[in-house]
Amino acid sequence: MGKLGVGVIGCGNISIAYMRLAPLFNAIEMRACADINMASAENLAAEFGVRAETVNELLQADDIDIVVNLTIPATHFEVSRKVLDAGKHVYSEKPLF
C-alpha cells in the first residue's frame, strides 16, 4: 500500500508545524493545501513543495485521502462536514460547534 495523501485546509501559523512534522510519519505524504486566501496557500505550498489549490479543488483531488482541517474554530464543523461529504477522512482540532 502506498502513502496516504494529505491535504491541509487552513494555511495559518499552525499549518507550518503540521507541514514540518508530516515527514516524520512514513505512512503519509503532504500533497496540497488550500485557504480562502489563495496567497497564503501559495506561500505555504512554495515553502513545502506541495500544490496550492482552492478548497473545492482539494476536495475533488483523487490523490487526497485525508484532510487536516486547520481553519478557525468557528468553521471547524462546516469545513469538516464538506470534507466528509466529499468522501474523505478528516482530522480536525477542537472544537466542533
N, C-alpha and C. Protein backbone atom coordinates (compact mmCIF):
# COMPACT_ATOMS: atom_id res chain seq x y z
N MET A 1 0.85 -1.18 0.00
CA MET A 1 0.00 0.00 0.00
C MET A 1 0.88 1.24 0.00
N GLY A 2 0.53 2.21 -0.82
CA GLY A 2 1.29 3.45 -0.89
C GLY A 2 0.96 4.38 0.25
N LYS A 3 1.60 5.50 0.24
CA LYS A 3 1.35 6.51 1.27
C LYS A 3 -0.02 7.14 1.09
N LEU A 4 -0.62 7.51 2.21
CA LEU A 4 -1.89 8.23 2.18
C LEU A 4 -1.61 9.69 1.86
N GLY A 5 -2.37 10.24 0.93
CA GLY A 5 -2.21 11.63 0.55
C GLY A 5 -2.96 12.55 1.50
N VAL A 6 -2.28 13.58 1.97
CA VAL A 6 -2.85 14.51 2.93
C VAL A 6 -2.95 15.89 2.31
N GLY A 7 -4.09 16.53 2.56
CA GLY A 7 -4.29 17.92 2.18
C GLY A 7 -4.61 18.73 3.41
N VAL A 8 -4.20 19.97 3.42
CA VAL A 8 -4.45 20.88 4.54
C VAL A 8 -5.40 21.97 4.08
N ILE A 9 -6.44 22.21 4.87
CA ILE A 9 -7.30 23.37 4.63
C ILE A 9 -7.09 24.31 5.80
N GLY A 10 -6.62 25.50 5.50
CA GLY A 10 -6.29 26.49 6.52
C GLY A 10 -4.78 26.64 6.60
N CYS A 11 -4.25 27.68 6.02
CA CYS A 11 -2.80 27.85 5.90
C CYS A 11 -2.25 28.92 6.82
N GLY A 12 -2.78 29.00 8.02
CA GLY A 12 -2.28 29.95 9.01
C GLY A 12 -1.04 29.43 9.71
N ASN A 13 -0.69 30.06 10.82
CA ASN A 13 0.56 29.75 11.53
C ASN A 13 0.71 28.29 11.92
N ILE A 14 -0.35 27.64 12.41
CA ILE A 14 -0.23 26.26 12.89
C ILE A 14 0.05 25.30 11.74
N SER A 15 -0.33 25.67 10.53
CA SER A 15 -0.12 24.77 9.39
C SER A 15 1.37 24.50 9.16
N ILE A 16 2.21 25.45 9.50
CA ILE A 16 3.66 25.26 9.33
C ILE A 16 4.15 24.10 10.19
N ALA A 17 3.66 24.00 11.42
CA ALA A 17 4.06 22.89 12.29
C ALA A 17 3.64 21.55 11.70
N TYR A 18 2.42 21.47 11.18
CA TYR A 18 1.95 20.23 10.57
C TYR A 18 2.79 19.87 9.36
N MET A 19 3.11 20.84 8.54
CA MET A 19 3.90 20.57 7.34
C MET A 19 5.33 20.13 7.69
N ARG A 20 5.89 20.72 8.72
CA ARG A 20 7.25 20.35 9.13
C ARG A 20 7.31 18.96 9.74
N LEU A 21 6.27 18.58 10.47
CA LEU A 21 6.27 17.29 11.17
C LEU A 21 5.79 16.13 10.31
N ALA A 22 5.05 16.39 9.27
CA ALA A 22 4.49 15.32 8.44
C ALA A 22 5.54 14.32 7.94
N PRO A 23 6.72 14.75 7.51
CA PRO A 23 7.71 13.78 7.02
C PRO A 23 8.17 12.76 8.07
N LEU A 24 7.89 13.01 9.33
CA LEU A 24 8.26 12.05 10.38
C LEU A 24 7.37 10.81 10.36
N PHE A 25 6.26 10.87 9.64
CA PHE A 25 5.31 9.76 9.58
C PHE A 25 5.40 9.10 8.20
N ASN A 26 5.89 7.87 8.17
CA ASN A 26 6.16 7.18 6.91
C ASN A 26 4.92 6.86 6.09
N ALA A 27 3.76 6.78 6.71
CA ALA A 27 2.55 6.34 6.01
C ALA A 27 1.81 7.47 5.29
N ILE A 28 2.24 8.72 5.50
CA ILE A 28 1.52 9.84 4.89
C ILE A 28 2.46 10.71 4.06
N GLU A 29 1.84 11.47 3.16
CA GLU A 29 2.59 12.42 2.34
C GLU A 29 1.72 13.66 2.14
N MET A 30 2.23 14.81 2.52
CA MET A 30 1.53 16.06 2.28
C MET A 30 1.55 16.34 0.78
N ARG A 31 0.37 16.64 0.22
CA ARG A 31 0.30 16.83 -1.23
C ARG A 31 -0.29 18.16 -1.67
N ALA A 32 -1.15 18.76 -0.84
CA ALA A 32 -1.79 20.01 -1.26
C ALA A 32 -2.25 20.80 -0.05
N CYS A 33 -2.46 22.09 -0.27
CA CYS A 33 -3.01 22.95 0.77
C CYS A 33 -3.97 23.94 0.14
N ALA A 34 -4.91 24.40 0.96
CA ALA A 34 -5.93 25.35 0.49
C ALA A 34 -6.25 26.33 1.59
N ASP A 35 -6.66 27.51 1.19
CA ASP A 35 -7.05 28.55 2.13
C ASP A 35 -7.98 29.52 1.40
N ILE A 36 -8.86 30.20 2.15
CA ILE A 36 -9.71 31.19 1.48
C ILE A 36 -8.87 32.34 0.93
N ASN A 37 -7.69 32.52 1.50
CA ASN A 37 -6.73 33.50 0.99
C ASN A 37 -5.72 32.72 0.13
N MET A 38 -5.89 32.77 -1.17
CA MET A 38 -5.06 31.97 -2.07
C MET A 38 -3.58 32.29 -1.91
N ALA A 39 -3.23 33.52 -1.59
CA ALA A 39 -1.82 33.88 -1.40
C ALA A 39 -1.22 33.09 -0.24
N SER A 40 -1.99 32.87 0.82
CA SER A 40 -1.50 32.07 1.95
C SER A 40 -1.24 30.63 1.52
N ALA A 41 -2.15 30.07 0.73
CA ALA A 41 -1.96 28.71 0.23
C ALA A 41 -0.74 28.64 -0.69
N GLU A 42 -0.58 29.61 -1.54
CA GLU A 42 0.55 29.62 -2.47
C GLU A 42 1.88 29.74 -1.73
N ASN A 43 1.93 30.56 -0.70
CA ASN A 43 3.16 30.70 0.09
C ASN A 43 3.52 29.41 0.80
N LEU A 44 2.54 28.78 1.45
CA LEU A 44 2.79 27.52 2.15
C LEU A 44 3.20 26.44 1.16
N ALA A 45 2.51 26.37 0.04
CA ALA A 45 2.82 25.37 -0.99
C ALA A 45 4.25 25.54 -1.50
N ALA A 46 4.65 26.76 -1.74
CA ALA A 46 6.00 27.01 -2.24
C ALA A 46 7.05 26.62 -1.21
N GLU A 47 6.77 26.89 0.05
CA GLU A 47 7.74 26.57 1.11
C GLU A 47 7.92 25.07 1.30
N PHE A 48 6.84 24.29 1.09
CA PHE A 48 6.90 22.86 1.40
C PHE A 48 6.76 21.95 0.18
N GLY A 49 6.73 22.50 -1.00
CA GLY A 49 6.72 21.68 -2.21
C GLY A 49 5.44 20.90 -2.44
N VAL A 50 4.30 21.50 -2.12
CA VAL A 50 3.01 20.87 -2.38
C VAL A 50 2.21 21.77 -3.31
N ARG A 51 1.04 21.31 -3.71
CA ARG A 51 0.17 22.11 -4.58
C ARG A 51 -0.65 23.10 -3.77
N ALA A 52 -0.85 24.28 -4.30
CA ALA A 52 -1.81 25.25 -3.74
C ALA A 52 -3.09 25.11 -4.54
N GLU A 53 -4.20 24.86 -3.85
CA GLU A 53 -5.47 24.66 -4.52
C GLU A 53 -6.58 25.42 -3.81
N THR A 54 -7.71 25.56 -4.48
CA THR A 54 -8.89 26.05 -3.78
C THR A 54 -9.42 24.91 -2.92
N VAL A 55 -10.30 25.23 -2.00
CA VAL A 55 -10.88 24.17 -1.16
C VAL A 55 -11.59 23.15 -2.04
N ASN A 56 -12.37 23.60 -3.00
CA ASN A 56 -13.09 22.66 -3.87
C ASN A 56 -12.15 21.78 -4.67
N GLU A 57 -11.06 22.35 -5.18
CA GLU A 57 -10.08 21.54 -5.91
C GLU A 57 -9.48 20.48 -5.01
N LEU A 58 -9.12 20.86 -3.80
CA LEU A 58 -8.52 19.91 -2.86
C LEU A 58 -9.51 18.79 -2.55
N LEU A 59 -10.77 19.12 -2.34
CA LEU A 59 -11.77 18.11 -2.01
C LEU A 59 -12.05 17.18 -3.18
N GLN A 60 -11.82 17.63 -4.39
CA GLN A 60 -12.06 16.79 -5.57
C GLN A 60 -10.82 16.02 -6.01
N ALA A 61 -9.68 16.31 -5.43
CA ALA A 61 -8.42 15.67 -5.85
C ALA A 61 -8.41 14.19 -5.49
N ASP A 62 -8.14 13.35 -6.48
CA ASP A 62 -8.12 11.91 -6.26
C ASP A 62 -6.97 11.44 -5.39
N ASP A 63 -5.90 12.22 -5.32
CA ASP A 63 -4.73 11.78 -4.55
C ASP A 63 -4.76 12.26 -3.10
N ILE A 64 -5.85 12.87 -2.67
CA ILE A 64 -6.00 13.30 -1.28
C ILE A 64 -6.93 12.33 -0.56
N ASP A 65 -6.42 11.65 0.45
CA ASP A 65 -7.20 10.69 1.23
C ASP A 65 -7.68 11.28 2.54
N ILE A 66 -6.86 12.12 3.14
CA ILE A 66 -7.14 12.69 4.46
C ILE A 66 -6.96 14.20 4.37
N VAL A 67 -7.88 14.93 4.98
CA VAL A 67 -7.77 16.39 5.03
C VAL A 67 -7.58 16.82 6.47
N VAL A 68 -6.57 17.63 6.71
CA VAL A 68 -6.34 18.22 8.03
C VAL A 68 -7.01 19.59 8.02
N ASN A 69 -8.00 19.74 8.89
CA ASN A 69 -8.79 20.97 8.97
C ASN A 69 -8.15 21.90 9.99
N LEU A 70 -7.46 22.92 9.51
CA LEU A 70 -6.77 23.88 10.38
C LEU A 70 -7.39 25.27 10.28
N THR A 71 -8.67 25.30 9.99
CA THR A 71 -9.38 26.57 9.88
C THR A 71 -9.67 27.12 11.28
N ILE A 72 -10.26 28.30 11.33
CA ILE A 72 -10.62 28.89 12.62
C ILE A 72 -11.71 28.06 13.28
N PRO A 73 -11.77 28.03 14.62
CA PRO A 73 -12.75 27.18 15.32
C PRO A 73 -14.19 27.36 14.85
N ALA A 74 -14.58 28.56 14.51
CA ALA A 74 -15.97 28.79 14.10
C ALA A 74 -16.34 28.06 12.81
N THR A 75 -15.35 27.66 12.02
CA THR A 75 -15.65 26.95 10.77
C THR A 75 -15.26 25.48 10.80
N HIS A 76 -14.79 24.97 11.93
CA HIS A 76 -14.38 23.56 12.00
C HIS A 76 -15.48 22.62 11.54
N PHE A 77 -16.70 22.80 12.06
CA PHE A 77 -17.78 21.88 11.71
C PHE A 77 -18.12 21.96 10.22
N GLU A 78 -18.30 23.18 9.72
CA GLU A 78 -18.69 23.36 8.32
C GLU A 78 -17.66 22.75 7.37
N VAL A 79 -16.40 23.03 7.61
CA VAL A 79 -15.35 22.50 6.74
C VAL A 79 -15.24 20.99 6.88
N SER A 80 -15.29 20.48 8.11
CA SER A 80 -15.21 19.03 8.32
C SER A 80 -16.36 18.32 7.62
N ARG A 81 -17.55 18.89 7.67
CA ARG A 81 -18.71 18.30 7.00
C ARG A 81 -18.48 18.24 5.49
N LYS A 82 -17.93 19.30 4.91
CA LYS A 82 -17.65 19.30 3.47
C LYS A 82 -16.64 18.21 3.11
N VAL A 83 -15.64 18.03 3.96
CA VAL A 83 -14.63 17.00 3.72
C VAL A 83 -15.28 15.62 3.73
N LEU A 84 -16.09 15.36 4.75
CA LEU A 84 -16.77 14.07 4.84
C LEU A 84 -17.72 13.85 3.67
N ASP A 85 -18.45 14.89 3.29
CA ASP A 85 -19.36 14.79 2.15
C ASP A 85 -18.61 14.50 0.85
N ALA A 86 -17.35 14.90 0.79
CA ALA A 86 -16.51 14.62 -0.39
C ALA A 86 -15.94 13.21 -0.36
N GLY A 87 -16.24 12.45 0.70
CA GLY A 87 -15.79 11.07 0.79
C GLY A 87 -14.37 10.90 1.29
N LYS A 88 -13.89 11.90 2.01
CA LYS A 88 -12.53 11.84 2.52
C LYS A 88 -12.54 11.79 4.05
N HIS A 89 -11.45 11.32 4.60
CA HIS A 89 -11.26 11.34 6.05
C HIS A 89 -10.87 12.75 6.46
N VAL A 90 -11.18 13.10 7.72
CA VAL A 90 -10.85 14.44 8.20
C VAL A 90 -10.24 14.36 9.59
N TYR A 91 -9.22 15.16 9.80
CA TYR A 91 -8.65 15.38 11.13
C TYR A 91 -8.87 16.84 11.45
N SER A 92 -9.46 17.11 12.61
CA SER A 92 -9.73 18.49 12.99
C SER A 92 -9.34 18.71 14.44
N GLU A 93 -8.79 19.86 14.69
CA GLU A 93 -8.56 20.25 16.08
C GLU A 93 -9.90 20.64 16.68
N LYS A 94 -9.99 20.61 18.01
CA LYS A 94 -11.23 21.00 18.65
C LYS A 94 -11.41 22.51 18.56
N PRO A 95 -12.55 23.04 18.75
CA PRO A 95 -13.86 22.40 18.97
C PRO A 95 -14.62 22.20 17.66
N LEU A 96 -15.67 21.40 17.74
CA LEU A 96 -16.63 21.26 16.64
C LEU A 96 -17.95 21.79 17.14
N PHE A 97 -18.30 22.98 16.79
CA PHE A 97 -19.57 23.57 17.23
C PHE A 97 -20.70 23.01 16.43
